[in-house]
Every structure is written in C-alpha cells, then in structure tokens.
Amino acid sequence: MNRRIEAFYGPSSPWAYFGAQRLYKIADRHDCELVLRPIRVVQENGGIMLRTRPQARQDYHAIELDRWRHHLDMPLNLRPKFYPCRSILPAAYTMIAAQRANLDARRLSFAIQRALWAEDRDIADINTLRSIAIEQNIPNLTDLIAEDWPQSIVSEWEGNLTEAVNIGIFGTPTYVLDGQLYWGQDRLEFLESALSDK
C-alpha cells in the first residue's frame, strides 16, 4: 500500500508557497498519496497570526522571507498588495473543491499561492480564483467556485481544522506522515528521509 502524506497549510502562508513544489516532487519520487488540507493558523495550539506578533518577530519574518526567496530562487513580494488577506476561505474552499472533484489541486493550489505572493492578486476575490482556474487549464473548476459554497466543502474545511487541533498542529505548513508531524518547509528533508527509511 502506498504511504500517505497530508499537507496542512494556510492558503496565504508564504512558507507553504515556498515548499509546495518540493513537496509535490517528494510525493512523486516516493509514490505517495498526497492530500492537501487547507487550514488557518491554529491559535488553539499556540499559533500566532503574523500581524499580532511583536514587531521584532514581524521584522525577522521579513528577513527570513528575503533569505528563502533568494535561496530557492522563487519570486516573492515582501509586501504583497493583498496580504494579509481579507479572507482565506474562498481560496481554501476552491482548493478543497478541486481535490474533491479529482482535478489538478496541486497545480491550482500553487497557482493561487503564487498569485498572492508573486503576482499581487487578491485570492479572496471569486473572479480572481476563476481566472486562475482558467489560466491553469482547469475550466471545469470555474462552475464549482461560488459565492455560497455547499455544506460539504465547508464541512471539509472545518474537519481539517478540527483534526489539526487534535493532532497538535499549530503552524503551517505542517506535513503529516505515519502520525509524525513535520512543521515548516525547511523540514521537507526530514520528511523525505522518513519516506526513505521504510
């Protein structure tokens, strides 16, 4: 049986954006099932939203983003126009809808993250999300993106968060393999090592 990686991440997390494509490659190299599970910051377990952190931590956050964007050679605006997002729910619901419909949720998710962090686009806007789906050649998704989302999508979002709280996740991205948590895109090497061990 193939092993399963679950990726719990915030749609607006720059760290999830940095790690996304490397995560996909790891899952493919090891023939793993990869399940995308969008969530918000898990304040119940001590997660702290960036804009409520002390200024020194916010300043250092920007320094680390700058270091990592150069290290990974990935485009990223240190002050994106639409961050913090008005809401991450439309983006999260769109990612969930794509995965439930067996569409290319990975490609869509990364495109949404890139839109926020590298293209100054508003991922809280329904029309922006529809445009991204079309640009990524996922036209069947546009009809699923709605102002009023079905309860099944909302319930999956709520279920993701409930499980994240229960298993001890506090920050995103957190990757889960065999019940073990790997917090942060800088732990992807450890995740791959665990996959190689068995």
Foldseek 3Di string as FASTA:
>chain_A
DAFEKEWEFALQDVLCLLQLVVVVVLCVVLVHHYHYAYADFQVLLPADDLVVDPPVVNVVVLVVSVVSCVVSVHAFDSDAQQPPPPDRVLVQLLLLVCVVVVHPSSVLSSLSNCCRTHVSDHSVDLVVSCVSCVVSVNNVSNVQRDPDHDVVSVVSHVVSSVVCVVLNHRHPGWMATPSDIQHTSVCVVVVSVVSVVD
